[in-house]
Amino acid sequence: MRKYERLRNLREDSDMTQAQVGKYLHITQRSYAHYEAGTREIPIEILIELANLYQVNLDYLVGRTNIKDRLPM
């Protein structure tokens, strides 16, 4: 598993706590902390919600690209 540094960076850049993100996702702070630390796999539904929250594309979120922009629908 990998550590999702970008999740932490995006959360901190948005001035949010892990508890706030957990609340947005309808999960506990502890569950979210596991995702951020890379100790649990992140379900695709959660990744999509995080991409929506931070207004970035999924590839950026998981470190596949450095381009944050969302793709046009």
C-alpha atoms as a PDB file:
ATOM      1  CA  MET A   1       0.000   0.000   0.000  1.00  0.00           C
ATOM      2  CA  ARG A   2       1.072   3.564  -0.515  1.00  0.00           C
ATOM      3  CA  LYS A   3       0.857   6.639   1.586  1.00  0.00           C
ATOM      4  CA  TYR A   4      -1.409   9.268   0.077  1.00  0.00           C
ATOM      5  CA  GLU A   5       0.593  12.424   0.773  1.00  0.00           C
ATOM      6  CA  ARG A   6      -1.562  14.381  -1.624  1.00  0.00           C
ATOM      7  CA  LEU A   7      -4.627  13.661   0.471  1.00  0.00           C
ATOM      8  CA  ARG A   8      -2.964  15.227   3.482  1.00  0.00           C
ATOM      9  CA  ASN A   9      -1.655  18.166   1.462  1.00  0.00           C
ATOM     10  CA  LEU A  10      -5.038  18.860  -0.130  1.00  0.00           C
ATOM     11  CA  ARG A  11      -6.777  18.584   3.240  1.00  0.00           C
ATOM     12  CA  GLU A  12      -4.314  20.954   4.906  1.00  0.00           C
ATOM     13  CA  ASP A  13      -4.451  23.396   1.975  1.00  0.00           C
ATOM     14  CA  SER A  14      -8.232  23.441   2.463  1.00  0.00           C
ATOM     15  CA  ASP A  15      -7.778  24.145   6.190  1.00  0.00           C
ATOM     16  CA  MET A  16      -9.703  20.996   7.081  1.00  0.00           C
ATOM     17  CA  THR A  17      -9.118  18.438   9.811  1.00  0.00           C
ATOM     18  CA  GLN A  18      -9.296  14.693   9.339  1.00  0.00           C
ATOM     19  CA  ALA A  19     -12.500  14.750  11.380  1.00  0.00           C
ATOM     20  CA  GLN A  20     -14.073  17.295   9.010  1.00  0.00           C
ATOM     21  CA  VAL A  21     -13.167  15.237   5.945  1.00  0.00           C
ATOM     22  CA  GLY A  22     -14.455  12.109   7.670  1.00  0.00           C
ATOM     23  CA  LYS A  23     -17.745  13.855   8.376  1.00  0.00           C
ATOM     24  CA  TYR A  24     -18.006  14.910   4.712  1.00  0.00           C
ATOM     25  CA  LEU A  25     -17.422  11.286   3.693  1.00  0.00           C
ATOM     26  CA  HIS A  26     -19.747   9.903   6.403  1.00  0.00           C
ATOM     27  CA  ILE A  27     -16.919   7.920   7.992  1.00  0.00           C
ATOM     28  CA  THR A  28     -14.958   8.293  11.223  1.00  0.00           C
ATOM     29  CA  GLN A  29     -11.807  10.365  11.568  1.00  0.00           C
ATOM     30  CA  ARG A  30      -9.926   7.156  12.335  1.00  0.00           C
ATOM     31  CA  SER A  31     -11.090   5.506   9.108  1.00  0.00           C
ATOM     32  CA  TYR A  32     -10.061   8.541   7.115  1.00  0.00           C
ATOM     33  CA  ALA A  33      -6.667   8.621   8.867  1.00  0.00           C
ATOM     34  CA  HIS A  34      -6.052   5.046   7.685  1.00  0.00           C
ATOM     35  CA  TYR A  35      -6.723   6.107   4.092  1.00  0.00           C
ATOM     36  CA  GLU A  36      -4.406   9.086   4.360  1.00  0.00           C
ATOM     37  CA  ALA A  37      -1.652   6.951   5.909  1.00  0.00           C
ATOM     38  CA  GLY A  38      -2.061   4.253   3.271  1.00  0.00           C
ATOM     39  CA  THR A  39      -2.798   1.518   5.808  1.00  0.00           C
ATOM     40  CA  ARG A  40      -6.164   0.749   4.168  1.00  0.00           C
ATOM     41  CA  GLU A  41      -7.197   0.651   0.541  1.00  0.00           C
ATOM     42  CA  ILE A  42      -9.448   3.538  -0.435  1.00  0.00           C
ATOM     43  CA  PRO A  43     -12.709   2.458  -2.106  1.00  0.00           C
ATOM     44  CA  ILE A  44     -13.298   4.077  -5.479  1.00  0.00           C
ATOM     45  CA  GLU A  45     -16.475   5.726  -4.174  1.00  0.00           C
ATOM     46  CA  ILE A  46     -14.419   7.509  -1.488  1.00  0.00           C
ATOM     47  CA  LEU A  47     -11.769   8.551  -4.033  1.00  0.00           C
ATOM     48  CA  ILE A  48     -14.480  10.065  -6.218  1.00  0.00           C
ATOM     49  CA  GLU A  49     -15.930  11.978  -3.273  1.00  0.00           C
ATOM     50  CA  LEU A  50     -12.459  13.265  -2.340  1.00  0.00           C
ATOM     51  CA  ALA A  51     -11.811  14.381  -5.916  1.00  0.00           C
ATOM     52  CA  ASN A  52     -15.142  16.226  -5.821  1.00  0.00           C
ATOM     53  CA  LEU A  53     -14.354  17.783  -2.448  1.00  0.00           C
ATOM     54  CA  TYR A  54     -10.967  19.109  -3.557  1.00  0.00           C
ATOM     55  CA  GLN A  55     -12.003  19.800  -7.167  1.00  0.00           C
ATOM     56  CA  VAL A  56      -9.151  17.737  -8.632  1.00  0.00           C
ATOM     57  CA  ASN A  57      -9.046  14.781 -10.988  1.00  0.00           C
ATOM     58  CA  LEU A  58      -8.585  11.226  -9.731  1.00  0.00           C
ATOM     59  CA  ASP A  59      -5.202  10.780 -11.402  1.00  0.00           C
ATOM     60  CA  TYR A  60      -3.864  13.766  -9.473  1.00  0.00           C
ATOM     61  CA  LEU A  61      -5.363  12.486  -6.245  1.00  0.00           C
ATOM     62  CA  VAL A  62      -3.552   9.149  -6.491  1.00  0.00           C
ATOM     63  CA  GLY A  63      -0.289  10.589  -7.814  1.00  0.00           C
ATOM     64  CA  ARG A  64      -0.490   9.541 -11.460  1.00  0.00           C
ATOM     65  CA  THR A  65      -0.175  13.114 -12.722  1.00  0.00           C
ATOM     66  CA  ASN A  66       0.781  16.536 -11.447  1.00  0.00           C
ATOM     67  CA  ILE A  67      -2.119  18.180 -13.281  1.00  0.00           C
ATOM     68  CA  LYS A  68      -4.893  19.018 -10.818  1.00  0.00           C
ATOM     69  CA  ASP A  69      -7.530  20.166 -13.328  1.00  0.00           C
ATOM     70  CA  ARG A  70     -10.630  18.062 -13.605  1.00  0.00           C
ATOM     71  CA  LEU A  71     -11.476  16.740 -17.037  1.00  0.00           C
ATOM     72  CA  PRO A  72     -14.472  18.310 -18.763  1.00  0.00           C
ATOM     73  CA  MET A  73     -17.576  16.138 -18.689  1.00  0.00           C
END
